[in-house]
Protein backbone atom coordinates (compact mmCIF):
# COMPACT_ATOMS: atom_id res chain seq x y z
CA UNK A 1 -0.13 -0.16 0.09
CA UNK A 2 2.57 2.24 1.59
CA UNK A 3 4.62 1.56 -2.16
CA UNK A 4 1.30 2.25 -4.43
CA UNK A 5 1.16 5.63 -2.43
CA UNK A 6 4.84 6.58 -2.90
CA UNK A 7 3.59 6.12 -6.98
CA UNK A 8 0.85 8.24 -6.63
CA UNK A 9 2.43 11.26 -4.85
CA UNK A 10 5.03 11.19 -7.36
CA UNK A 11 3.19 10.66 -10.24
CA UNK A 12 0.77 13.43 -9.34
CA UNK A 13 3.22 15.70 -9.51
CA UNK A 14 3.97 14.81 -13.05
CA UNK A 15 0.52 16.18 -13.93
CA UNK A 16 1.96 19.48 -13.52
CA UNK A 17 4.81 19.38 -15.63
CA UNK A 18 2.19 20.56 -18.68
CA UNK A 19 -0.20 22.99 -17.19
CA UNK A 20 1.95 25.85 -18.74
CA UNK A 21 -0.54 26.53 -21.84
CA UNK A 22 -3.65 25.47 -20.17
CA UNK A 23 -4.70 29.76 -20.66
CA UNK A 24 -3.38 30.09 -24.06
CA UNK A 25 -7.15 30.08 -25.76
CA UNK A 26 -7.67 32.97 -23.34
CA UNK A 27 -5.10 35.47 -24.98
CA UNK A 28 -8.12 37.30 -27.29
CA UNK A 29 -9.87 38.20 -23.90
CA UNK A 30 -6.53 39.33 -22.53
CA UNK A 31 -6.22 41.30 -25.21
CA UNK A 32 -9.58 42.73 -24.80
CA UNK A 33 -8.78 43.40 -21.00
CA UNK A 34 -5.47 44.53 -22.16
CA UNK A 35 -6.02 46.81 -25.06
CA UNK A 36 -3.62 49.59 -24.20
CA UNK A 37 -0.87 46.55 -24.14
CA UNK A 38 0.53 45.53 -27.86
CA UNK A 39 -0.39 42.28 -29.53
CA UNK A 40 3.03 40.97 -28.89
CA UNK A 41 3.72 41.66 -25.37
CA UNK A 42 0.08 40.33 -24.15
CA UNK A 43 1.10 36.67 -26.28
CA UNK A 44 4.39 36.78 -24.50
CA UNK A 45 2.15 35.55 -21.61
CA UNK A 46 2.33 31.74 -23.73
CA UNK A 47 6.19 32.01 -24.30
CA UNK A 48 7.53 33.59 -21.04
CA UNK A 49 7.00 30.31 -18.83
CA UNK A 50 8.81 28.18 -21.53
CA UNK A 51 12.02 30.38 -20.60
CA UNK A 52 11.91 30.64 -17.30
CA UNK A 53 11.55 26.93 -16.97
CA UNK A 54 14.57 26.10 -18.89
CA UNK A 55 16.37 28.90 -16.52
CA UNK A 56 15.12 26.34 -13.23
CA UNK A 57 15.81 23.09 -15.21
CA UNK A 58 19.20 24.06 -15.23
CA UNK A 59 19.61 25.42 -10.95
CA UNK A 60 17.23 22.87 -9.93
CA UNK A 61 19.83 20.38 -9.40
CA UNK A 62 22.09 22.39 -7.39
CA UNK A 63 19.04 24.03 -5.61
CA UNK A 64 18.07 20.54 -4.53
CA UNK A 65 21.77 19.84 -3.32
CA UNK A 66 21.87 22.68 -1.08
CA UNK A 67 18.11 22.12 0.31
CA UNK A 68 17.27 19.03 -0.47
CA UNK A 69 15.25 17.06 -3.03
CA UNK A 70 11.44 16.58 -1.60
CA UNK A 71 11.82 20.37 -0.41
CA UNK A 72 12.84 21.84 -3.76
CA UNK A 73 10.32 19.97 -5.24
CA UNK A 74 7.57 21.12 -3.13
CA UNK A 75 9.29 25.00 -3.67
CA UNK A 76 8.20 24.32 -7.08
CA UNK A 77 4.67 22.80 -6.62
CA UNK A 78 4.17 26.33 -4.13
CA UNK A 79 5.08 28.53 -6.68
CA UNK A 80 3.17 26.74 -9.13
CA UNK A 81 -0.27 27.11 -6.79
CA UNK A 82 0.58 30.73 -5.93
CA UNK A 83 1.74 32.20 -9.14
CA UNK A 84 -0.79 29.85 -11.37
CA UNK A 85 -3.95 31.75 -9.46
CA UNK A 86 -2.48 35.05 -8.82
CA UNK A 87 -4.48 36.52 -11.68
CA UNK A 88 -7.66 35.49 -10.66
CA UNK A 89 -7.27 38.35 -7.70
CA UNK A 90 -4.62 40.43 -9.93
CA UNK A 91 -6.30 42.86 -12.96
CA UNK A 92 -2.49 44.95 -13.76
CA UNK A 93 -0.57 42.94 -16.77
CA UNK A 94 3.13 43.45 -15.91
CA UNK A 95 2.37 41.09 -12.55
CA UNK A 96 0.07 38.72 -14.39
CA UNK A 97 2.99 38.11 -16.52
CA UNK A 98 5.51 38.37 -13.69
CA UNK A 99 2.80 35.37 -12.54
CA UNK A 100 3.49 33.80 -15.91
CA UNK A 101 7.57 33.43 -15.14
CA UNK A 102 6.90 32.20 -11.67
CA UNK A 103 5.00 29.72 -12.86
CA UNK A 104 7.80 28.21 -15.66
CA UNK A 105 10.01 28.73 -12.93
CA UNK A 106 8.25 26.54 -10.70
CA UNK A 107 7.89 24.13 -12.83
CA UNK A 108 11.01 23.54 -13.88
CA UNK A 109 12.16 23.04 -10.03
CA UNK A 110 10.29 19.93 -9.69
CA UNK A 111 10.53 18.56 -13.81
CA UNK A 112 13.71 16.71 -13.97
CA UNK A 113 14.05 15.99 -9.85
CA UNK A 114 10.84 13.90 -10.18
CA UNK A 115 12.78 11.92 -12.72
CA UNK A 116 15.86 11.46 -10.14
CA UNK A 117 13.64 10.40 -7.26
CA UNK A 118 11.99 7.95 -9.80
CA UNK A 119 14.98 6.53 -10.46
CA UNK A 120 16.14 6.46 -6.92
CA UNK A 121 13.28 4.77 -5.35
CA UNK A 122 12.51 2.48 -8.30
CA UNK A 123 15.02 0.15 -10.68
CA UNK A 124 14.61 -2.06 -14.13
CA UNK A 125 11.55 -2.22 -15.55
CA UNK A 126 9.53 -0.54 -12.78
CA UNK A 127 11.82 2.46 -13.04
CA UNK A 128 11.37 2.62 -17.12
CA UNK A 129 7.27 1.38 -16.33
CA UNK A 130 7.36 4.45 -14.36
CA UNK A 131 9.50 7.02 -16.20
CA UNK A 132 6.58 6.28 -19.38
CA UNK A 133 3.61 6.97 -16.61
CA UNK A 134 5.37 10.43 -15.79
CA UNK A 135 5.50 11.26 -19.32
CA UNK A 136 1.74 10.23 -20.13
CA UNK A 137 0.31 11.62 -16.80
CA UNK A 138 2.10 15.16 -18.02
CA UNK A 139 -0.01 15.72 -21.31
CA UNK A 140 -3.16 13.69 -19.52
CA UNK A 141 -2.61 16.91 -17.01
CA UNK A 142 -1.99 19.15 -19.33
CA UNK A 143 -5.33 17.96 -21.00
CA UNK A 144 -7.09 18.47 -17.83
CA UNK A 145 -6.21 21.64 -16.92
CA UNK A 146 -6.91 23.13 -20.22
CA UNK A 147 -10.56 21.74 -20.07
CA UNK A 148 -11.04 23.12 -16.65
CA UNK A 149 -10.04 26.66 -18.16
CA UNK A 150 -11.96 26.08 -20.74
CA UNK A 151 -15.09 25.70 -19.02
CA UNK A 152 -14.21 29.66 -16.99
CA UNK A 153 -13.74 31.42 -20.03
CA UNK A 154 -17.41 32.19 -19.71
CA UNK A 155 -16.78 33.45 -16.46
CA UNK A 156 -14.38 36.34 -17.43
CA UNK A 157 -10.74 36.52 -18.49
CA UNK A 158 -9.17 36.02 -15.35
CA UNK A 159 -11.69 33.00 -14.23
CA UNK A 160 -9.89 30.15 -16.23
CA UNK A 161 -6.88 30.98 -13.83
CA UNK A 162 -8.16 29.12 -11.25
CA UNK A 163 -7.66 25.84 -12.67
CA UNK A 164 -4.16 26.12 -11.51
CA UNK A 165 -5.72 25.59 -7.83
CA UNK A 166 -4.99 21.86 -8.94
CA UNK A 167 -1.11 22.30 -7.69
CA UNK A 168 -2.63 22.91 -3.37
CA UNK A 169 -4.15 19.33 -3.22
CA UNK A 170 -1.08 18.03 -4.95
CA UNK A 171 1.25 19.79 -2.82
CA UNK A 172 0.00 18.47 0.53
CA UNK A 173 -0.27 14.96 -0.94
CA UNK A 174 3.29 14.82 -1.85
CA UNK A 175 4.06 16.81 1.47
CA UNK A 176 2.48 13.69 3.25
CA UNK A 177 3.71 10.53 1.35
CA UNK A 178 7.06 11.24 0.20
CA UNK A 179 9.69 10.54 2.63
CA UNK A 180 12.46 12.39 3.77
CA UNK A 181 15.30 11.61 1.34
CA UNK A 182 19.08 12.75 3.01
CA UNK A 183 20.73 14.68 -0.50
CA UNK A 184 23.86 12.32 0.01
CA UNK A 185 22.15 8.90 0.18
CA UNK A 186 20.70 10.16 -3.36
CA UNK A 187 24.32 11.55 -4.28
CA UNK A 188 25.82 7.80 -2.77
CA UNK A 189 23.35 5.67 -4.90
CA UNK A 190 23.86 7.92 -8.49
CA UNK A 191 28.12 7.68 -6.89
CA UNK A 192 28.15 3.96 -6.13
CA UNK A 193 26.77 3.19 -9.81
CA UNK A 194 29.37 5.52 -11.61
CA UNK A 195 32.02 2.94 -9.54
CA UNK A 196 30.48 -0.02 -10.88
CA UNK A 197 30.79 1.24 -14.19
CA UNK A 198 34.24 1.05 -15.83
CA UNK A 199 33.57 2.98 -18.53
CA UNK A 200 35.09 6.75 -19.11
CA UNK A 201 33.16 9.45 -17.79
CA UNK A 202 33.35 11.86 -20.25
CA UNK A 203 33.01 9.54 -22.64
CA UNK A 204 29.21 8.96 -21.30
CA UNK A 205 27.83 12.43 -20.62
CA UNK A 206 29.05 13.14 -24.44
CA UNK A 207 26.06 11.04 -25.55
CA UNK A 208 24.03 13.44 -22.98
CA UNK A 209 24.92 16.42 -26.06
CA UNK A 210 23.86 14.32 -29.13
CA UNK A 211 20.32 13.44 -27.15
CA UNK A 212 19.91 17.37 -26.93
CA UNK A 213 20.37 17.94 -30.93
CA UNK A 214 18.53 15.05 -31.49
CA UNK A 215 15.83 16.26 -29.27
CA UNK A 216 15.70 19.83 -30.94
CA UNK A 217 15.44 18.59 -34.53
CA UNK A 218 12.64 16.13 -33.57
CA UNK A 219 10.84 18.76 -31.28
CA UNK A 220 10.99 21.43 -34.11
CA UNK A 221 9.54 18.53 -36.79
CA UNK A 222 6.49 17.25 -34.19
CA UNK A 223 5.55 20.74 -33.32
CA UNK A 224 5.79 21.87 -37.09
CA UNK A 225 2.19 19.77 -37.09
CA UNK A 226 1.03 21.22 -34.73
CA UNK A 227 1.39 24.87 -35.97
CA UNK A 228 0.55 23.62 -39.88
CA UNK A 229 -2.10 21.13 -39.67
CA UNK A 230 -5.13 23.65 -38.61
CA UNK A 231 -3.98 25.43 -41.75
CA UNK A 232 -4.07 22.71 -44.05
CA UNK A 233 -7.07 21.13 -43.12
CA UNK A 234 -8.68 25.06 -44.36
CA UNK A 235 -6.62 25.77 -47.00
CA UNK A 236 -7.41 22.36 -48.66
CA UNK A 237 -10.89 22.92 -48.06
CA UNK A 238 -11.64 19.59 -46.25
CA UNK A 239 -11.64 20.96 -42.49
CA UNK A 240 -12.29 23.66 -40.14
CA UNK A 241 -10.11 25.09 -37.07
CA UNK A 242 -12.33 23.20 -34.94
CA UNK A 243 -11.89 20.07 -37.12
CA UNK A 244 -8.27 20.58 -36.27
CA UNK A 245 -8.50 20.67 -32.75
CA UNK A 246 -9.82 17.05 -33.16
CA UNK A 247 -6.61 16.37 -34.59
CA UNK A 248 -4.29 18.00 -31.97
CA UNK A 249 -6.62 16.40 -28.94
CA UNK A 250 -6.28 12.64 -30.61
CA UNK A 251 -2.72 13.70 -31.34
CA UNK A 252 -2.50 13.81 -27.02
CA UNK A 253 -4.48 10.65 -26.96
CA UNK A 254 -1.89 8.87 -28.27
CA UNK A 255 0.69 10.61 -26.54
CA UNK A 256 -0.70 9.38 -23.27
CA UNK A 257 -1.48 5.58 -24.90
CA UNK A 258 2.11 5.86 -25.99
CA UNK A 259 3.46 6.53 -22.31
CA UNK A 260 1.29 4.35 -20.52
CA UNK A 261 2.44 1.05 -22.52
CA UNK A 262 6.41 2.49 -22.77
CA UNK A 263 7.30 0.17 -20.32
CA UNK A 264 6.28 -3.26 -22.18
CA UNK A 265 7.42 -1.40 -25.71
CA UNK A 266 10.41 -0.79 -24.20
CA UNK A 267 10.85 -4.68 -22.79
CA UNK A 268 9.88 -5.49 -26.51
CA UNK A 269 11.74 -3.28 -28.78
CA UNK A 270 14.52 -2.34 -26.26
CA UNK A 271 16.68 0.38 -27.60
CA UNK A 272 15.06 -0.10 -31.18
CA UNK A 273 11.85 1.78 -29.12
CA UNK A 274 13.33 5.17 -30.43
CA UNK A 275 13.98 4.16 -34.96
CA UNK A 276 10.06 2.40 -34.32
CA UNK A 277 8.53 5.39 -32.94
CA UNK A 278 10.29 7.70 -35.70
CA UNK A 279 9.03 5.55 -38.32
CA UNK A 280 5.45 5.75 -36.91
CA UNK A 281 6.19 9.12 -36.78
CA UNK A 282 6.97 9.25 -40.13
CA UNK A 283 4.32 7.56 -41.95
CA UNK A 284 1.94 9.44 -39.88
CA UNK A 285 3.31 13.12 -41.81
CA UNK A 286 2.78 11.74 -44.70
CA UNK A 287 -0.69 10.56 -44.21
CA UNK A 288 -1.46 13.93 -42.58
CA UNK A 289 0.28 15.29 -46.17
CA UNK A 290 -1.99 12.98 -48.41
CA UNK A 291 -5.27 13.22 -46.24
CA UNK A 292 -8.30 14.74 -48.14
CA UNK A 293 -10.50 13.99 -44.84
CA UNK A 294 -11.18 14.96 -41.60
CA UNK A 295 -10.70 11.33 -40.12
CA UNK A 296 -7.85 10.76 -42.08
CA UNK A 297 -5.58 13.50 -40.56
CA UNK A 298 -7.19 12.64 -37.30
CA UNK A 299 -5.54 9.16 -37.68
CA UNK A 300 -2.00 11.04 -38.60
CA UNK A 301 -2.11 13.11 -35.31
CA UNK A 302 -3.14 10.07 -33.11
CA UNK A 303 0.03 8.28 -34.67
CA UNK A 304 2.29 11.02 -34.45
CA UNK A 305 1.36 11.41 -30.87
CA UNK A 306 1.92 7.65 -30.10
CA UNK A 307 5.03 7.76 -32.49
CA UNK A 308 6.21 10.61 -31.08
CA UNK A 309 6.28 10.62 -27.59
CA UNK A 310 8.30 7.58 -27.03
CA UNK A 311 11.46 9.74 -28.06
CA UNK A 312 11.71 11.90 -24.40
CA UNK A 313 10.89 8.53 -21.68
CA UNK A 314 13.75 6.63 -23.90
CA UNK A 315 16.32 9.21 -23.76
CA UNK A 316 15.44 10.34 -20.12
CA UNK A 317 15.80 6.20 -19.31
CA UNK A 318 19.12 6.12 -21.28
CA UNK A 319 21.20 8.59 -19.69
CA UNK A 320 19.24 7.65 -15.84
CA UNK A 321 20.37 4.38 -16.62
CA UNK A 322 24.09 4.69 -17.54
CA UNK A 323 25.73 5.19 -14.34
CA UNK A 324 26.31 8.92 -14.79
CA UNK A 325 27.60 10.82 -11.56
CA UNK A 326 24.93 13.56 -12.32
CA UNK A 327 21.87 12.53 -13.59
CA UNK A 328 19.70 15.36 -12.88
CA UNK A 329 22.16 17.69 -15.06
CA UNK A 330 21.35 15.49 -17.93
CA UNK A 331 17.86 15.05 -17.46
CA UNK A 332 17.65 18.76 -17.60
CA UNK A 333 19.55 19.56 -20.83
CA UNK A 334 17.59 16.98 -22.22
CA UNK A 335 14.43 19.03 -21.15
CA UNK A 336 15.92 22.11 -22.12
CA UNK A 337 16.87 21.01 -25.79
CA UNK A 338 13.04 20.24 -25.92
CA UNK A 339 12.10 23.94 -24.80
CA UNK A 340 14.53 24.78 -27.28
CA UNK A 341 13.20 22.58 -30.39
CA UNK A 342 9.50 23.97 -29.38
CA UNK A 343 10.83 27.78 -29.68
CA UNK A 344 12.03 27.44 -33.00
CA UNK A 345 9.27 25.62 -34.65
CA UNK A 346 8.03 28.46 -35.89
CA UNK A 347 11.09 29.35 -38.05
CA UNK A 348 12.13 25.67 -38.21
CA UNK A 349 8.09 25.47 -40.41
CA UNK A 350 9.43 28.33 -42.33
CA UNK A 351 12.68 26.49 -43.25
CA UNK A 352 10.85 23.25 -43.73
CA UNK A 353 8.70 25.24 -46.49
CA UNK A 354 11.36 26.53 -47.98
CA UNK A 355 12.94 23.51 -48.32
CA UNK A 356 9.50 21.58 -49.46
CA UNK A 357 9.36 20.49 -53.53
CA UNK A 358 5.65 21.15 -53.29
CA UNK A 359 3.91 24.15 -53.47
CA UNK A 360 1.54 24.52 -50.72
CA UNK A 361 1.74 23.51 -47.36
CA UNK A 362 1.47 19.78 -47.97
CA UNK A 363 5.15 19.72 -48.69
CA UNK A 364 5.90 20.50 -45.21
CA UNK A 365 4.69 17.08 -44.03
CA UNK A 366 6.09 15.16 -46.74
CA UNK A 367 9.64 16.76 -45.59
CA UNK A 368 8.84 16.65 -42.05
CA UNK A 369 8.17 12.62 -42.64
CA UNK A 370 11.02 12.47 -44.74
CA UNK A 371 13.09 13.93 -41.56
CA UNK A 372 11.81 11.39 -39.78
CA UNK A 373 12.71 8.60 -41.60
CA UNK A 374 16.16 9.52 -41.99
CA UNK A 375 16.37 9.90 -37.90
CA UNK A 376 15.04 6.40 -37.71
CA UNK A 377 17.96 5.11 -39.70
CA UNK A 378 20.91 6.91 -38.26
CA UNK A 379 19.43 6.17 -34.73
CA UNK A 380 18.80 2.06 -36.13
CA UNK A 381 22.42 2.62 -37.36
CA UNK A 382 24.13 3.59 -34.31
CA UNK A 383 21.63 0.72 -31.87
CA UNK A 384 23.04 -2.01 -34.56
CA UNK A 385 26.98 -0.99 -34.11
CA UNK A 386 26.75 -0.49 -30.23
CA UNK A 387 25.40 -4.31 -30.32
CA UNK A 388 27.83 -5.60 -32.52
CA UNK A 389 30.33 -3.76 -30.28
CA UNK A 390 29.17 -5.36 -26.56
CA UNK A 391 28.73 -9.07 -28.31
CA UNK A 392 32.45 -8.87 -28.98
CA UNK A 393 33.18 -7.12 -26.33
CA UNK A 394 31.86 -10.18 -24.61
CA UNK A 395 33.30 -12.68 -27.07
CA UNK A 396 36.60 -11.07 -26.13
CA UNK A 397 36.16 -11.65 -22.10
CA UNK A 398 34.60 -15.13 -22.86
CA UNK A 399 38.21 -15.40 -24.53
CA UNK A 400 40.33 -14.48 -22.06
CA UNK A 401 38.70 -16.51 -19.36
CA UNK A 402 38.83 -19.82 -21.98
CA UNK A 403 42.54 -18.43 -21.77
CA UNK A 404 43.22 -18.56 -18.22
CA UNK A 405 41.55 -21.52 -17.63
CA UNK A 406 43.68 -23.37 -19.59
CA UNK A 407 46.29 -21.63 -18.18
CA UNK A 408 45.66 -22.69 -14.62
CA UNK A 409 44.74 -26.22 -16.12
CA UNK A 410 47.97 -26.72 -17.85
CA UNK A 411 50.15 -25.14 -14.28
CA UNK A 412 47.81 -27.99 -12.43
């Protein structure tokens, strides 16, 4: 029972990691309320959380080492709870903007530390499964808060911010259930894992930067779909903006299902799971590009969510299983890379449109599909080479053991 409560407490915080955009649909109402503020500045309400999230993600490990992992996560949840509902009571634009910055900073404080705690409390397949659940519940939490905020939009522009009050019960649940863990105990576990691994430390950490490049490219390609699918459906005359929202909803559903199944999928596919995910995403992008009906685009959206969602839990699992000395920093860098890729998506879509060999928006999805297919091929080749290297090394070790045994027999 205690183990179940522990998992529930950890995963309840996971539901808060993607709630920042929940009030994005509120921007037109806020523009009317703050008519003396430029539209570009009002729209910063949607982007400023991501900027401050990246800052806190990079500093969360340092803060946790000084004040404790549980305390830092609780600080982040507390900041989210308070700053999230500030706009309900305040009618001053710059205070609202500041509260949004604080919201992003709070989310960043617990985002990567949650993975660290999961890796501390759990190992092996159980950890892999929980990392998948973490990703899935992040999407579920975002959908739930967005829905609640949408229901409040009929009141006024301030009411939707009440949805962020969900962080208050999460704070007290986490406080009551999660045991106090000494920072030295967490660090000792990771350091003992490092000592068991004879691989050179710098050589291992360098792959984190390779993963960052992969994430930036993947996130940019993926976000392009969300930006352009509505315009494609309207321009080609087979759907409206409301139909495009169905595509995005099914994308979120595909992401959640993929997250919940991640542990089982990883057992079957191992490190090839990333290549398979990219192949599914590539096929889905081409389906959307070829689509002439809403249902076909909805199918493509679902497959994009299902295929692409495996990227972050796979890479997060790898860096937290690689016996790195600072897995929190590694996880933080992956999250920063994802946010950078998302931020670059509008510019990436412009570049992709220029690279397209066809007129109109369909070409963007064809290029996206080819891009994901290339990523799948590269990752698949790298994984295969690593498998052969490990087999060769094991063969060398076995040969050495055989020679030693033969030598001992000869001496005897």
